[in-house]
Amino acid sequence: MYVLKISIFFVLLFSSLSSDSQVKSVYNWKGGELPLYEKPGAGSRVLLKIPKGARLQQSVSQAVLPSFNIILSYYGITELPGKEELTSNGGTWYSMPGTWTKVKYQDKSGYVPQLFLSCLPDLQIAKNNKDDFEELTTGYLTRFFGTPVSRSKKELPKGSKDEINYQKTYRFKNGNYQVSTYQYFEKDGPGGETHRLFLKGLAKHEAILLMLKLTSYNDSIDIDFHDVKKRVVTNSLYDKFCWWYNKDLEKDTMKERNIDTEFFFYQEGGSAGITLKETKEGVIITYTFGGC
């Protein structure tokens, strides 16, 4: 009986230690200070405010926590949509599902929305005077994963001698990659670009945060954000969301195209689109833009 009690004690002790050790490092990608709540609810007491980009410890416990969804809209909308608008406004609104999650910062434990966290450090975007998305993205990924382990360029079939049609591939450690494809009828002529990224271990919301940084840090999408009244609900990086959500995609179409979410953006003379595919290994981001 004595031996059994000792055994049970060590099992409980090991279980306790194991549960406490089930944490991972994440970073605050809110774009500003992130309140740490005593309980999983915005009405709870704020224990402290976590600085922008700060590193914290997230519990990976599978405990069921309340939901915390973020509703994103295209630019120009300033009010929170009503329930009927979420289903009748042609894909204007995208409700991104999330939950509260338990974290520890300094000596305080509490709760924050999981949708504001990423496993990637919150690094600033390096300036890119040429407005070259390939260079911008490659430089940013290099800061996360180091110098690419391989680089290659492949010419693609051309319809005429003036046509520009090629593909560049960058492979980083741990299987991360970037593939940039260029298809233009002539230099400075009509056509477009496609940039596909695979980021291991990332979730869909982390991909959206990353793309918001890459496409809005210096107005890569040709809009003066200072002149556009944006809907501010989350007071976060998500408030720079400026794409429409395509909610009318059929399952067969999504399966055929190997995507599960699509956003698009139209402006005079061109358009941009983003598709996301969340897998067990990570997330695939495809960003396209072009025009005449």
C-alpha atoms as a PDB file:
ATOM      1  CA  MET A   1       0.000   0.000   0.000  1.00  0.00           C
ATOM      2  CA  TYR A   2       2.901   2.315   0.899  1.00  0.00           C
ATOM      3  CA  VAL A   3       4.604   1.587  -2.408  1.00  0.00           C
ATOM      4  CA  LEU A   4       1.355   2.289  -4.255  1.00  0.00           C
ATOM      5  CA  LYS A   5       1.001   5.684  -2.555  1.00  0.00           C
ATOM      6  CA  ILE A   6       4.566   6.630  -3.515  1.00  0.00           C
ATOM      7  CA  SER A   7       3.905   5.551  -7.099  1.00  0.00           C
ATOM      8  CA  ILE A   8       0.718   7.609  -7.289  1.00  0.00           C
ATOM      9  CA  PHE A   9       2.574  10.609  -5.844  1.00  0.00           C
ATOM     10  CA  PHE A  10       5.280  10.474  -8.494  1.00  0.00           C
ATOM     11  CA  VAL A  11       2.715   9.980 -11.275  1.00  0.00           C
ATOM     12  CA  LEU A  12       0.836  13.076 -10.117  1.00  0.00           C
ATOM     13  CA  LEU A  13       4.066  15.043  -9.712  1.00  0.00           C
ATOM     14  CA  PHE A  14       5.242  14.067 -13.206  1.00  0.00           C
ATOM     15  CA  SER A  15       1.839  14.935 -14.675  1.00  0.00           C
ATOM     16  CA  SER A  16       1.928  18.330 -13.002  1.00  0.00           C
ATOM     17  CA  LEU A  17       5.431  19.049 -14.245  1.00  0.00           C
ATOM     18  CA  SER A  18       4.490  17.886 -17.739  1.00  0.00           C
ATOM     19  CA  SER A  19       1.419  20.094 -17.910  1.00  0.00           C
ATOM     20  CA  ASP A  20       3.433  23.113 -16.731  1.00  0.00           C
ATOM     21  CA  SER A  21       6.074  22.432 -19.355  1.00  0.00           C
ATOM     22  CA  GLN A  22       3.575  22.286 -22.241  1.00  0.00           C
ATOM     23  CA  VAL A  23       4.268  25.820 -23.419  1.00  0.00           C
ATOM     24  CA  LYS A  24       5.757  27.419 -26.512  1.00  0.00           C
ATOM     25  CA  SER A  25       7.228  30.810 -27.279  1.00  0.00           C
ATOM     26  CA  VAL A  26       5.049  33.176 -29.316  1.00  0.00           C
ATOM     27  CA  TYR A  27       5.098  36.881 -30.124  1.00  0.00           C
ATOM     28  CA  ASN A  28       2.624  39.738 -29.895  1.00  0.00           C
ATOM     29  CA  TRP A  29       1.620  40.631 -33.484  1.00  0.00           C
ATOM     30  CA  LYS A  30      -1.279  42.908 -32.536  1.00  0.00           C
ATOM     31  CA  GLY A  31       0.612  45.916 -33.831  1.00  0.00           C
ATOM     32  CA  GLY A  32       0.502  47.607 -30.426  1.00  0.00           C
ATOM     33  CA  GLU A  33       0.139  46.774 -26.756  1.00  0.00           C
ATOM     34  CA  LEU A  34      -1.783  43.575 -26.011  1.00  0.00           C
ATOM     35  CA  PRO A  35      -3.833  43.554 -22.776  1.00  0.00           C
ATOM     36  CA  LEU A  36      -3.295  40.481 -20.585  1.00  0.00           C
ATOM     37  CA  TYR A  37      -6.661  39.625 -19.026  1.00  0.00           C
ATOM     38  CA  GLU A  38      -7.158  37.833 -15.726  1.00  0.00           C
ATOM     39  CA  LYS A  39      -9.927  35.706 -17.280  1.00  0.00           C
ATOM     40  CA  PRO A  40     -10.796  34.813 -20.911  1.00  0.00           C
ATOM     41  CA  GLY A  41     -13.078  37.770 -21.585  1.00  0.00           C
ATOM     42  CA  ALA A  42     -12.660  41.425 -22.591  1.00  0.00           C
ATOM     43  CA  GLY A  43     -14.644  42.480 -19.531  1.00  0.00           C
ATOM     44  CA  SER A  44     -12.112  40.908 -17.202  1.00  0.00           C
ATOM     45  CA  ARG A  45      -9.461  42.791 -15.231  1.00  0.00           C
ATOM     46  CA  VAL A  46      -6.344  43.747 -17.198  1.00  0.00           C
ATOM     47  CA  LEU A  47      -3.263  42.465 -15.387  1.00  0.00           C
ATOM     48  CA  LEU A  48      -0.786  44.336 -17.582  1.00  0.00           C
ATOM     49  CA  LYS A  49      -0.190  45.332 -21.190  1.00  0.00           C
ATOM     50  CA  ILE A  50       2.230  43.256 -23.252  1.00  0.00           C
ATOM     51  CA  PRO A  51       4.464  45.480 -25.440  1.00  0.00           C
ATOM     52  CA  LYS A  52       4.319  45.322 -29.243  1.00  0.00           C
ATOM     53  CA  GLY A  53       6.385  42.415 -30.542  1.00  0.00           C
ATOM     54  CA  ALA A  54       7.131  41.047 -27.075  1.00  0.00           C
ATOM     55  CA  ARG A  55       7.879  37.362 -26.579  1.00  0.00           C
ATOM     56  CA  LEU A  56       5.585  35.400 -24.265  1.00  0.00           C
ATOM     57  CA  GLN A  57       4.824  31.823 -23.310  1.00  0.00           C
ATOM     58  CA  GLN A  58       1.631  30.227 -24.619  1.00  0.00           C
ATOM     59  CA  SER A  59       0.016  27.176 -23.060  1.00  0.00           C
ATOM     60  CA  VAL A  60      -0.578  24.372 -25.548  1.00  0.00           C
ATOM     61  CA  SER A  61      -3.212  22.785 -23.339  1.00  0.00           C
ATOM     62  CA  GLN A  62      -6.250  21.486 -25.221  1.00  0.00           C
ATOM     63  CA  ALA A  63      -8.605  22.942 -22.619  1.00  0.00           C
ATOM     64  CA  VAL A  64     -11.774  24.397 -24.171  1.00  0.00           C
ATOM     65  CA  LEU A  65     -11.747  28.199 -24.003  1.00  0.00           C
ATOM     66  CA  PRO A  66     -14.304  30.783 -25.164  1.00  0.00           C
ATOM     67  CA  SER A  67     -14.208  31.901 -28.793  1.00  0.00           C
ATOM     68  CA  PHE A  68     -12.782  35.218 -29.922  1.00  0.00           C
ATOM     69  CA  ASN A  69     -13.593  35.912 -33.573  1.00  0.00           C
ATOM     70  CA  ILE A  70     -12.379  38.878 -35.596  1.00  0.00           C
ATOM     71  CA  ILE A  71     -14.606  40.304 -38.336  1.00  0.00           C
ATOM     72  CA  LEU A  72     -12.598  41.772 -41.200  1.00  0.00           C
ATOM     73  CA  SER A  73     -13.974  44.010 -43.924  1.00  0.00           C
ATOM     74  CA  TYR A  74     -12.756  45.735 -47.044  1.00  0.00           C
ATOM     75  CA  TYR A  75     -11.531  49.330 -46.722  1.00  0.00           C
ATOM     76  CA  GLY A  76     -13.958  52.192 -46.374  1.00  0.00           C
ATOM     77  CA  ILE A  77     -16.377  50.591 -43.915  1.00  0.00           C
ATOM     78  CA  THR A  78     -16.432  52.225 -40.497  1.00  0.00           C
ATOM     79  CA  GLU A  79     -19.231  50.457 -38.650  1.00  0.00           C
ATOM     80  CA  LEU A  80     -19.584  46.955 -37.262  1.00  0.00           C
ATOM     81  CA  PRO A  81     -21.852  44.938 -39.588  1.00  0.00           C
ATOM     82  CA  GLY A  82     -25.187  43.584 -38.438  1.00  0.00           C
ATOM     83  CA  LYS A  83     -25.957  39.865 -38.525  1.00  0.00           C
ATOM     84  CA  GLU A  84     -27.948  40.124 -41.741  1.00  0.00           C
ATOM     85  CA  GLU A  85     -25.050  41.884 -43.487  1.00  0.00           C
ATOM     86  CA  LEU A  86     -22.661  39.042 -42.738  1.00  0.00           C
ATOM     87  CA  THR A  87     -24.602  36.782 -45.077  1.00  0.00           C
ATOM     88  CA  SER A  88     -26.124  39.217 -47.578  1.00  0.00           C
ATOM     89  CA  ASN A  89     -23.343  41.612 -48.478  1.00  0.00           C
ATOM     90  CA  GLY A  90     -21.708  39.597 -51.256  1.00  0.00           C
ATOM     91  CA  GLY A  91     -18.640  38.460 -49.384  1.00  0.00           C
ATOM     92  CA  THR A  92     -17.722  41.837 -47.935  1.00  0.00           C
ATOM     93  CA  TRP A  93     -17.211  40.417 -44.458  1.00  0.00           C
ATOM     94  CA  TYR A  94     -14.913  37.653 -43.270  1.00  0.00           C
ATOM     95  CA  SER A  95     -15.306  36.258 -39.772  1.00  0.00           C
ATOM     96  CA  MET A  96     -12.030  34.685 -38.684  1.00  0.00           C
ATOM     97  CA  PRO A  97     -12.595  32.106 -35.936  1.00  0.00           C
ATOM     98  CA  GLY A  98     -10.324  32.013 -32.920  1.00  0.00           C
ATOM     99  CA  THR A  99     -10.276  31.447 -29.181  1.00  0.00           C
ATOM    100  CA  TRP A 100      -8.783  32.931 -26.077  1.00  0.00           C
ATOM    101  CA  THR A 101      -5.517  31.319 -25.025  1.00  0.00           C
ATOM    102  CA  LYS A 102      -3.595  31.188 -21.762  1.00  0.00           C
ATOM    103  CA  VAL A 103      -0.190  32.871 -21.759  1.00  0.00           C
ATOM    104  CA  LYS A 104       2.501  34.006 -19.361  1.00  0.00           C
ATOM    105  CA  TYR A 105       4.414  37.250 -19.642  1.00  0.00           C
ATOM    106  CA  GLN A 106       7.057  38.190 -17.079  1.00  0.00           C
ATOM    107  CA  ASP A 107       5.591  36.840 -13.828  1.00  0.00           C
ATOM    108  CA  LYS A 108       1.915  37.175 -14.796  1.00  0.00           C
ATOM    109  CA  SER A 109      -0.357  34.488 -16.256  1.00  0.00           C
ATOM    110  CA  GLY A 110      -3.582  35.393 -17.985  1.00  0.00           C
ATOM    111  CA  TYR A 111      -5.500  35.280 -21.255  1.00  0.00           C
ATOM    112  CA  VAL A 112      -5.252  36.956 -24.668  1.00  0.00           C
ATOM    113  CA  PRO A 113      -6.907  36.337 -28.066  1.00  0.00           C
ATOM    114  CA  GLN A 114      -4.923  33.661 -29.873  1.00  0.00           C
ATOM    115  CA  LEU A 115      -5.480  35.529 -33.178  1.00  0.00           C
ATOM    116  CA  PHE A 116      -2.963  38.202 -32.126  1.00  0.00           C
ATOM    117  CA  LEU A 117      -0.111  35.726 -31.618  1.00  0.00           C
ATOM    118  CA  SER A 118       2.422  34.247 -34.025  1.00  0.00           C
ATOM    119  CA  CYS A 119       5.320  31.850 -33.653  1.00  0.00           C
ATOM    120  CA  LEU A 120       7.364  34.248 -35.828  1.00  0.00           C
ATOM    121  CA  PRO A 121       9.100  37.255 -34.252  1.00  0.00           C
ATOM    122  CA  ASP A 122       7.421  40.578 -35.056  1.00  0.00           C
ATOM    123  CA  LEU A 123      10.201  41.998 -37.241  1.00  0.00           C
ATOM    124  CA  GLN A 124       9.998  45.305 -39.054  1.00  0.00           C
ATOM    125  CA  ILE A 125       9.853  45.299 -42.846  1.00  0.00           C
ATOM    126  CA  ALA A 126      13.044  46.551 -44.503  1.00  0.00           C
ATOM    127  CA  LYS A 127      12.484  49.490 -46.865  1.00  0.00           C
ATOM    128  CA  ASN A 128      12.181  48.556 -50.514  1.00  0.00           C
ATOM    129  CA  ASN A 129      12.547  51.572 -52.787  1.00  0.00           C
ATOM    130  CA  LYS A 130      11.928  49.541 -55.947  1.00  0.00           C
ATOM    131  CA  ASP A 131       8.577  48.289 -54.655  1.00  0.00           C
ATOM    132  CA  ASP A 132       9.712  44.786 -55.634  1.00  0.00           C
ATOM    133  CA  PHE A 133       7.500  42.251 -53.848  1.00  0.00           C
ATOM    134  CA  GLU A 134       9.872  39.351 -54.515  1.00  0.00           C
ATOM    135  CA  GLU A 135      12.819  41.201 -53.013  1.00  0.00           C
ATOM    136  CA  LEU A 136      10.711  42.459 -50.119  1.00  0.00           C
ATOM    137  CA  THR A 137       9.450  38.980 -49.255  1.00  0.00           C
ATOM    138  CA  THR A 138      12.749  37.157 -49.748  1.00  0.00           C
ATOM    139  CA  GLY A 139      14.481  39.667 -47.495  1.00  0.00           C
ATOM    140  CA  TYR A 140      11.820  39.259 -44.807  1.00  0.00           C
ATOM    141  CA  LEU A 141      11.884  35.455 -44.906  1.00  0.00           C
ATOM    142  CA  THR A 142      15.687  35.501 -44.767  1.00  0.00           C
ATOM    143  CA  ARG A 143      15.484  37.335 -41.464  1.00  0.00           C
ATOM    144  CA  PHE A 144      13.306  34.519 -40.094  1.00  0.00           C
ATOM    145  CA  PHE A 145      14.929  31.442 -41.609  1.00  0.00           C
ATOM    146  CA  GLY A 146      18.414  32.534 -42.674  1.00  0.00           C
ATOM    147  CA  THR A 147      19.946  32.687 -46.136  1.00  0.00           C
ATOM    148  CA  PRO A 148      18.098  30.442 -48.634  1.00  0.00           C
ATOM    149  CA  VAL A 149      19.718  27.010 -48.929  1.00  0.00           C
ATOM    150  CA  SER A 150      19.066  27.130 -52.683  1.00  0.00           C
ATOM    151  CA  ARG A 151      18.019  29.603 -55.389  1.00  0.00           C
ATOM    152  CA  SER A 152      17.000  28.832 -58.950  1.00  0.00           C
ATOM    153  CA  LYS A 153      15.546  30.555 -62.000  1.00  0.00           C
ATOM    154  CA  LYS A 154      13.618  28.817 -64.771  1.00  0.00           C
ATOM    155  CA  GLU A 155      12.480  30.321 -68.059  1.00  0.00           C
ATOM    156  CA  LEU A 156       8.886  29.446 -68.978  1.00  0.00           C
ATOM    157  CA  PRO A 157       7.414  29.058 -72.506  1.00  0.00           C
ATOM    158  CA  LYS A 158       6.932  32.383 -74.307  1.00  0.00           C
ATOM    159  CA  GLY A 159       4.343  33.384 -76.886  1.00  0.00           C
ATOM    160  CA  SER A 160       6.641  36.016 -78.427  1.00  0.00           C
ATOM    161  CA  LYS A 161      10.218  37.219 -78.094  1.00  0.00           C
ATOM    162  CA  ASP A 162       9.106  40.284 -76.115  1.00  0.00           C
ATOM    163  CA  GLU A 163       7.191  38.251 -73.560  1.00  0.00           C
ATOM    164  CA  ILE A 164       8.619  37.994 -70.036  1.00  0.00           C
ATOM    165  CA  ASN A 165       7.846  34.606 -68.534  1.00  0.00           C
ATOM    166  CA  TYR A 166      10.018  33.050 -65.853  1.00  0.00           C
ATOM    167  CA  GLN A 167       9.991  31.594 -62.349  1.00  0.00           C
ATOM    168  CA  LYS A 168      12.359  32.061 -59.407  1.00  0.00           C
ATOM    169  CA  THR A 169      12.469  29.650 -56.450  1.00  0.00           C
ATOM    170  CA  TYR A 170      13.980  30.208 -53.018  1.00  0.00           C
ATOM    171  CA  ARG A 171      14.193  27.304 -50.582  1.00  0.00           C
ATOM    172  CA  PHE A 172      14.859  27.933 -46.916  1.00  0.00           C
ATOM    173  CA  LYS A 173      15.671  25.560 -44.091  1.00  0.00           C
ATOM    174  CA  ASN A 174      12.976  23.271 -42.651  1.00  0.00           C
ATOM    175  CA  GLY A 175      11.068  23.147 -45.947  1.00  0.00           C
ATOM    176  CA  ASN A 176       9.953  26.779 -46.164  1.00  0.00           C
ATOM    177  CA  TYR A 177       9.943  28.162 -49.703  1.00  0.00           C
ATOM    178  CA  GLN A 178       9.038  31.070 -51.975  1.00  0.00           C
ATOM    179  CA  VAL A 179       8.218  30.722 -55.683  1.00  0.00           C
ATOM    180  CA  SER A 180       7.819  33.928 -57.729  1.00  0.00           C
ATOM    181  CA  THR A 181       6.403  33.692 -61.261  1.00  0.00           C
ATOM    182  CA  TYR A 182       6.429  36.579 -63.764  1.00  0.00           C
ATOM    183  CA  GLN A 183       4.230  36.674 -66.864  1.00  0.00           C
ATOM    184  CA  TYR A 184       4.239  39.936 -68.857  1.00  0.00           C
ATOM    185  CA  PHE A 185       3.577  40.459 -72.566  1.00  0.00           C
ATOM    186  CA  GLU A 186       6.449  42.934 -72.694  1.00  0.00           C
ATOM    187  CA  LYS A 187       8.547  45.088 -70.380  1.00  0.00           C
ATOM    188  CA  ASP A 188       6.281  47.483 -68.450  1.00  0.00           C
ATOM    189  CA  GLY A 189       3.331  45.967 -70.342  1.00  0.00           C
ATOM    190  CA  PRO A 190       0.196  44.085 -69.256  1.00  0.00           C
ATOM    191  CA  GLY A 191       0.543  40.907 -67.241  1.00  0.00           C
ATOM    192  CA  GLY A 192       1.123  39.969 -63.658  1.00  0.00           C
ATOM    193  CA  GLU A 193       3.011  38.174 -60.931  1.00  0.00           C
ATOM    194  CA  THR A 194       2.286  35.238 -58.643  1.00  0.00           C
ATOM    195  CA  HIS A 195       4.169  34.711 -55.384  1.00  0.00           C
ATOM    196  CA  ARG A 196       3.624  31.447 -53.538  1.00  0.00           C
ATOM    197  CA  LEU A 197       4.947  30.920 -50.012  1.00  0.00           C
ATOM    198  CA  PHE A 198       4.969  27.847 -47.795  1.00  0.00           C
ATOM    199  CA  LEU A 199       5.574  28.564 -44.121  1.00  0.00           C
ATOM    200  CA  LYS A 200       5.947  25.553 -41.881  1.00  0.00           C
ATOM    201  CA  GLY A 201       4.077  25.512 -38.588  1.00  0.00           C
ATOM    202  CA  LEU A 202       2.003  28.637 -39.275  1.00  0.00           C
ATOM    203  CA  ALA A 203      -1.773  28.885 -39.007  1.00  0.00           C
ATOM    204  CA  LYS A 204      -4.116  30.877 -41.256  1.00  0.00           C
ATOM    205  CA  HIS A 205      -4.321  33.924 -38.987  1.00  0.00           C
ATOM    206  CA  GLU A 206      -0.511  34.110 -38.856  1.00  0.00           C
ATOM    207  CA  ALA A 207      -0.429  34.107 -42.654  1.00  0.00           C
ATOM    208  CA  ILE A 208      -2.932  36.982 -42.765  1.00  0.00           C
ATOM    209  CA  LEU A 209      -0.891  39.016 -40.272  1.00  0.00           C
ATOM    210  CA  LEU A 210       2.243  38.385 -42.322  1.00  0.00           C
ATOM    211  CA  MET A 211       0.576  39.415 -45.588  1.00  0.00           C
ATOM    212  CA  LEU A 212      -0.880  42.552 -44.001  1.00  0.00           C
ATOM    213  CA  LYS A 213       2.649  43.575 -43.094  1.00  0.00           C
ATOM    214  CA  LEU A 214       4.070  42.733 -46.510  1.00  0.00           C
ATOM    215  CA  THR A 215       1.349  44.527 -48.475  1.00  0.00           C
ATOM    216  CA  SER A 216       0.628  47.606 -46.367  1.00  0.00           C
ATOM    217  CA  TYR A 217       3.870  48.700 -44.740  1.00  0.00           C
ATOM    218  CA  ASN A 218       4.581  51.241 -47.518  1.00  0.00           C
ATOM    219  CA  ASP A 219       1.299  51.130 -49.447  1.00  0.00           C
ATOM    220  CA  SER A 220       2.273  48.321 -51.837  1.00  0.00           C
ATOM    221  CA  ILE A 221      -1.403  48.237 -52.721  1.00  0.00           C
ATOM    222  CA  ASP A 222      -1.871  51.633 -54.301  1.00  0.00           C
ATOM    223  CA  ILE A 223      -4.101  53.316 -51.745  1.00  0.00           C
ATOM    224  CA  ASP A 224      -3.350  56.249 -49.482  1.00  0.00           C
ATOM    225  CA  PHE A 225      -4.356  54.748 -46.150  1.00  0.00           C
ATOM    226  CA  HIS A 226      -4.239  58.183 -44.551  1.00  0.00           C
ATOM    227  CA  ASP A 227      -7.187  59.295 -46.671  1.00  0.00           C
ATOM    228  CA  VAL A 228      -9.284  56.164 -46.198  1.00  0.00           C
ATOM    229  CA  LYS A 229     -11.520  55.891 -43.154  1.00  0.00           C
ATOM    230  CA  LYS A 230     -11.107  52.350 -41.920  1.00  0.00           C
ATOM    231  CA  ARG A 231     -13.304  50.374 -39.600  1.00  0.00           C
ATOM    232  CA  VAL A 232     -11.432  50.209 -36.305  1.00  0.00           C
ATOM    233  CA  VAL A 233     -12.788  47.435 -34.124  1.00  0.00           C
ATOM    234  CA  THR A 234      -9.735  45.448 -33.060  1.00  0.00           C
ATOM    235  CA  ASN A 235      -7.330  48.430 -32.942  1.00  0.00           C
ATOM    236  CA  SER A 236      -4.691  46.142 -34.377  1.00  0.00           C
ATOM    237  CA  LEU A 237      -2.795  45.203 -37.519  1.00  0.00           C
ATOM    238  CA  TYR A 238      -6.045  43.625 -38.778  1.00  0.00           C
ATOM    239  CA  ASP A 239      -7.445  47.123 -39.292  1.00  0.00           C
ATOM    240  CA  LYS A 240      -5.263  47.378 -42.398  1.00  0.00           C
ATOM    241  CA  PHE A 241      -7.209  44.518 -43.980  1.00  0.00           C
ATOM    242  CA  CYS A 242      -8.213  45.786 -47.432  1.00  0.00           C
ATOM    243  CA  TRP A 243      -9.314  42.725 -49.414  1.00  0.00           C
ATOM    244  CA  TRP A 244     -12.771  41.370 -50.139  1.00  0.00           C
ATOM    245  CA  TYR A 245     -13.573  37.862 -48.963  1.00  0.00           C
ATOM    246  CA  ASN A 246     -14.855  35.448 -51.617  1.00  0.00           C
ATOM    247  CA  LYS A 247     -17.475  33.482 -49.714  1.00  0.00           C
ATOM    248  CA  ASP A 248     -19.085  31.976 -52.833  1.00  0.00           C
ATOM    249  CA  LEU A 249     -16.379  29.455 -53.663  1.00  0.00           C
ATOM    250  CA  GLU A 250     -17.764  25.938 -54.027  1.00  0.00           C
ATOM    251  CA  LYS A 251     -16.053  23.036 -52.282  1.00  0.00           C
ATOM    252  CA  ASP A 252     -15.164  21.357 -55.571  1.00  0.00           C
ATOM    253  CA  THR A 253     -13.558  24.563 -56.819  1.00  0.00           C
ATOM    254  CA  MET A 254     -11.557  24.963 -53.623  1.00  0.00           C
ATOM    255  CA  LYS A 255     -10.419  21.345 -53.810  1.00  0.00           C
ATOM    256  CA  GLU A 256      -9.421  21.689 -57.458  1.00  0.00           C
ATOM    257  CA  ARG A 257      -7.442  24.870 -56.767  1.00  0.00           C
ATOM    258  CA  ASN A 258      -6.018  23.482 -53.489  1.00  0.00           C
ATOM    259  CA  ILE A 259      -7.206  26.445 -51.388  1.00  0.00           C
ATOM    260  CA  ASP A 260      -9.586  26.971 -48.502  1.00  0.00           C
ATOM    261  CA  THR A 261      -9.842  30.790 -48.379  1.00  0.00           C
ATOM    262  CA  GLU A 262      -9.659  33.509 -51.021  1.00  0.00           C
ATOM    263  CA  PHE A 263      -9.527  37.293 -50.837  1.00  0.00           C
ATOM    264  CA  PHE A 264      -9.347  39.754 -53.707  1.00  0.00           C
ATOM    265  CA  PHE A 265      -8.861  43.451 -54.312  1.00  0.00           C
ATOM    266  CA  TYR A 266      -9.711  45.592 -57.346  1.00  0.00           C
ATOM    267  CA  GLN A 267      -8.382  49.014 -58.197  1.00  0.00           C
ATOM    268  CA  GLU A 268      -8.159  51.098 -61.351  1.00  0.00           C
ATOM    269  CA  GLY A 269      -5.858  49.380 -63.832  1.00  0.00           C
ATOM    270  CA  GLY A 270      -5.314  46.168 -61.922  1.00  0.00           C
ATOM    271  CA  SER A 271      -6.198  43.734 -59.195  1.00  0.00           C
ATOM    272  CA  ALA A 272      -4.666  41.633 -56.433  1.00  0.00           C
ATOM    273  CA  GLY A 273      -5.691  38.352 -54.867  1.00  0.00           C
ATOM    274  CA  ILE A 274      -4.645  36.178 -51.960  1.00  0.00           C
ATOM    275  CA  THR A 275      -5.483  32.523 -51.385  1.00  0.00           C
ATOM    276  CA  LEU A 276      -4.667  30.516 -48.270  1.00  0.00           C
ATOM    277  CA  LYS A 277      -4.408  26.789 -47.669  1.00  0.00           C
ATOM    278  CA  GLU A 278      -3.958  25.599 -44.110  1.00  0.00           C
ATOM    279  CA  THR A 279      -2.410  22.124 -43.842  1.00  0.00           C
ATOM    280  CA  LYS A 280      -1.142  19.954 -41.008  1.00  0.00           C
ATOM    281  CA  GLU A 281       2.409  21.037 -41.863  1.00  0.00           C
ATOM    282  CA  GLY A 282       1.792  24.762 -42.246  1.00  0.00           C
ATOM    283  CA  VAL A 283       0.134  27.284 -44.525  1.00  0.00           C
ATOM    284  CA  ILE A 284       0.433  27.952 -48.275  1.00  0.00           C
ATOM    285  CA  ILE A 285      -0.010  31.604 -49.290  1.00  0.00           C
ATOM    286  CA  THR A 286      -0.497  32.611 -52.924  1.00  0.00           C
ATOM    287  CA  TYR A 287      -0.396  36.333 -53.686  1.00  0.00           C
ATOM    288  CA  THR A 288      -1.107  37.529 -57.229  1.00  0.00           C
ATOM    289  CA  PHE A 289      -1.315  40.998 -58.738  1.00  0.00           C
ATOM    290  CA  GLY A 290      -1.251  42.582 -62.154  1.00  0.00           C
ATOM    291  CA  GLY A 291      -3.115  44.619 -64.691  1.00  0.00           C
ATOM    292  CA  CYS A 292      -2.929  46.359 -68.033  1.00  0.00           C
END
